[in-house]
Amino acid sequence: MRPSSAGSDGERSRRRGGRLPDATDEIIIGALADDARTGITEIASMANVSRATAYNRIKRLTDDGVIRGYSVVADHAKMGLGVTALVLISGSQPDWRANREVLSSYPEVEYCWYVVGSADIVLLVRVADTDQLRDLILTRLQALPGVTSTQTLTVIDEVVHRPVVRPAE
């Protein structure tokens, strides 16, 4: 017999806005972060739960938005993108919505954050060489409406790149 949706754990957690992952959820998330192709049997074994429990937990974590998707971790240098930079953009506030759409369309932009502080926008960009970086900054970014200045930080070594950051204990 199927429990009513009003009383199911998933429904209660969604009404509460979800719940924080427990230790078993963190094992499952960690396994998927290490290799999203890990099979359900192996994940269940790692978490010391049944296959059905592992499957249901992954479904709940996905439904609750804790797991938002699965991705490939690429070696950008081997893809011909040898230059990584953070670009800090300062500008006037009225233009942020229009610039948001434009920045989203640039294939060089891996991440775009609107921030509070000395800059308004921070971009993580990956390009083949400094000529492409120069073109991106001087020709396209500085021409955006409202952009008053940019500052570029070139990455010389990627030391830590975690697909999932776990809460400190």
Protein backbone atom coordinates (compact mmCIF):
# COMPACT_ATOMS: atom_id res chain seq x y z
CA MET A 1 0.00 0.00 0.00
CA ARG A 2 1.31 3.41 -0.96
CA PRO A 3 1.49 6.13 1.73
CA SER A 4 -0.40 9.32 1.07
CA SER A 5 1.67 12.18 -0.27
CA ALA A 6 0.59 14.42 2.62
CA GLY A 7 2.39 12.19 5.08
CA SER A 8 5.42 11.05 3.10
CA ASP A 9 8.89 11.97 4.32
CA GLY A 10 9.73 13.62 0.99
CA GLU A 11 6.63 15.78 1.11
CA ARG A 12 7.25 16.81 4.73
CA SER A 13 10.87 17.72 3.97
CA ARG A 14 9.80 19.78 0.93
CA ARG A 15 7.25 21.65 3.04
CA ARG A 16 10.03 22.42 5.52
CA GLY A 17 12.23 23.58 2.64
CA GLY A 18 14.21 20.33 2.60
CA ARG A 19 16.55 19.00 5.23
CA LEU A 20 20.27 19.00 5.59
CA PRO A 21 22.00 15.87 4.32
CA ASP A 22 22.89 13.33 7.01
CA ALA A 23 26.07 11.22 7.13
CA THR A 24 24.64 8.61 4.72
CA ASP A 25 23.60 11.33 2.26
CA GLU A 26 27.10 12.81 2.46
CA ILE A 27 28.65 9.44 1.60
CA ILE A 28 26.34 9.18 -1.41
CA ILE A 29 27.05 12.77 -2.51
CA GLY A 30 30.79 12.17 -2.07
CA ALA A 31 30.69 9.01 -4.16
CA LEU A 32 28.83 10.78 -6.96
CA ALA A 33 31.15 13.82 -6.72
CA ASP A 34 34.18 11.56 -7.10
CA ASP A 35 32.65 9.75 -10.08
CA ALA A 36 29.09 10.44 -11.20
CA ARG A 37 29.13 7.15 -13.12
CA THR A 38 29.40 5.10 -9.92
CA GLY A 39 26.75 2.38 -9.99
CA ILE A 40 23.93 2.23 -7.50
CA THR A 41 25.16 -1.12 -6.10
CA GLU A 42 28.58 0.35 -5.33
CA ILE A 43 27.06 3.50 -3.82
CA ALA A 44 24.79 1.37 -1.62
CA SER A 45 27.78 -0.66 -0.46
CA MET A 46 29.81 2.48 0.32
CA ALA A 47 26.91 3.95 2.31
CA ASN A 48 26.09 0.59 3.95
CA VAL A 49 22.46 0.73 2.80
CA SER A 50 20.31 -1.30 0.43
CA ARG A 51 20.21 -0.51 -3.30
CA ALA A 52 16.60 0.69 -2.91
CA THR A 53 17.56 3.01 -0.05
CA ALA A 54 20.50 4.41 -2.03
CA TYR A 55 18.27 4.95 -5.06
CA ASN A 56 15.56 6.64 -2.96
CA ARG A 57 18.08 8.88 -1.23
CA ILE A 58 19.57 9.98 -4.55
CA LYS A 59 16.05 10.68 -5.83
CA ARG A 60 15.21 12.70 -2.69
CA LEU A 61 18.49 14.63 -2.83
CA THR A 62 17.73 15.44 -6.48
CA ASP A 63 14.09 16.33 -5.82
CA ASP A 64 15.14 18.58 -2.91
CA GLY A 65 17.69 20.34 -5.14
CA VAL A 66 20.74 19.20 -3.15
CA ILE A 67 21.99 17.34 -6.23
CA ARG A 68 21.39 19.69 -9.15
CA GLY A 69 23.01 17.65 -11.89
CA TYR A 70 25.96 15.60 -13.03
CA SER A 71 28.93 16.85 -15.00
CA VAL A 72 32.26 16.07 -16.55
CA VAL A 73 35.48 17.44 -15.06
CA ALA A 74 37.61 18.46 -18.02
CA ASP A 75 41.31 19.23 -18.24
CA HIS A 76 41.01 22.66 -19.82
CA ALA A 77 44.69 22.89 -20.80
CA LYS A 78 44.35 19.62 -22.78
CA MET A 79 41.34 21.17 -24.50
CA GLY A 80 43.50 24.08 -25.70
CA LEU A 81 42.37 26.51 -22.98
CA GLY A 82 45.71 27.19 -21.32
CA VAL A 83 44.90 30.55 -19.70
CA THR A 84 42.55 30.85 -16.74
CA ALA A 85 41.72 34.22 -15.25
CA LEU A 86 39.40 35.91 -12.80
CA VAL A 87 38.02 39.15 -14.19
CA LEU A 88 36.56 41.64 -11.72
CA ILE A 89 34.13 44.09 -13.27
CA SER A 90 32.88 47.33 -11.74
CA GLY A 91 30.02 49.28 -13.18
CA SER A 92 26.74 51.07 -12.76
CA GLN A 93 23.82 49.20 -11.26
CA PRO A 94 21.10 49.99 -13.84
CA ASP A 95 22.83 47.83 -16.47
CA TRP A 96 23.20 44.59 -14.51
CA ARG A 97 20.19 42.78 -16.02
CA ALA A 98 21.19 43.41 -19.64
CA ASN A 99 24.83 42.51 -18.93
CA ARG A 100 23.76 39.30 -17.20
CA GLU A 101 22.32 37.96 -20.46
CA VAL A 102 25.34 39.06 -22.51
CA LEU A 103 27.85 37.54 -20.08
CA SER A 104 25.92 34.27 -20.10
CA SER A 105 26.36 34.09 -23.87
CA TYR A 106 30.18 34.27 -23.79
CA PRO A 107 31.59 30.74 -24.21
CA GLU A 108 34.82 31.70 -22.39
CA VAL A 109 32.94 32.36 -19.14
CA GLU A 110 32.88 29.31 -16.89
CA TYR A 111 31.42 31.10 -13.85
CA CYS A 112 29.81 34.48 -13.37
CA TRP A 113 29.00 35.84 -9.92
CA TYR A 114 27.38 39.11 -8.97
CA VAL A 115 29.11 40.16 -5.76
CA VAL A 116 29.14 42.83 -3.09
CA GLY A 117 32.47 44.53 -2.47
CA SER A 118 35.06 46.39 -4.50
CA ALA A 119 33.77 44.78 -7.72
CA ASP A 120 30.23 44.12 -8.91
CA ILE A 121 30.84 41.03 -11.06
CA VAL A 122 33.49 38.31 -10.92
CA LEU A 123 34.06 36.07 -13.93
CA LEU A 124 36.09 32.88 -14.16
CA VAL A 125 37.20 32.69 -17.79
CA ARG A 126 39.20 30.13 -19.76
CA VAL A 127 40.85 31.03 -23.06
CA ALA A 128 43.55 29.62 -25.33
CA ASP A 129 46.08 32.42 -24.89
CA THR A 130 46.65 35.98 -23.72
CA ASP A 131 45.57 37.36 -27.12
CA GLN A 132 42.10 35.89 -26.58
CA LEU A 133 42.07 37.19 -23.00
CA ARG A 134 43.00 40.67 -24.22
CA ASP A 135 40.22 40.55 -26.83
CA LEU A 136 37.66 39.42 -24.28
CA ILE A 137 38.56 42.14 -21.79
CA LEU A 138 39.37 45.13 -23.99
CA THR A 139 36.98 44.55 -26.86
CA ARG A 140 33.94 42.89 -25.33
CA LEU A 141 33.81 43.30 -21.55
CA GLN A 142 34.87 46.93 -21.36
CA ALA A 143 32.37 47.79 -24.12
CA LEU A 144 29.39 46.51 -22.08
CA PRO A 145 26.91 49.18 -20.96
CA GLY A 146 27.79 50.63 -17.58
CA VAL A 147 31.19 48.93 -17.20
CA THR A 148 33.54 51.46 -15.61
CA SER A 149 36.59 49.26 -14.96
CA THR A 150 37.97 45.74 -15.00
CA GLN A 151 40.74 44.05 -13.06
CA THR A 152 42.23 40.76 -14.22
CA LEU A 153 43.88 38.10 -12.06
CA THR A 154 45.65 35.44 -14.09
CA VAL A 155 45.71 32.00 -12.48
CA ILE A 156 49.19 30.45 -12.42
CA ASP A 157 48.29 27.21 -10.62
CA GLU A 158 45.00 25.54 -9.71
CA VAL A 159 45.68 24.08 -6.29
CA VAL A 160 42.22 22.98 -5.13
CA HIS A 161 39.18 22.20 -7.23
CA ARG A 162 36.44 20.40 -5.33
CA PRO A 163 33.22 19.53 -7.13
CA VAL A 164 31.47 19.40 -3.74
CA VAL A 165 32.42 21.30 -0.59
CA ARG A 166 31.32 19.49 2.53
CA PRO A 167 30.40 21.31 5.75
CA ALA A 168 33.21 21.57 8.28
CA GLU A 169 32.77 19.36 11.33
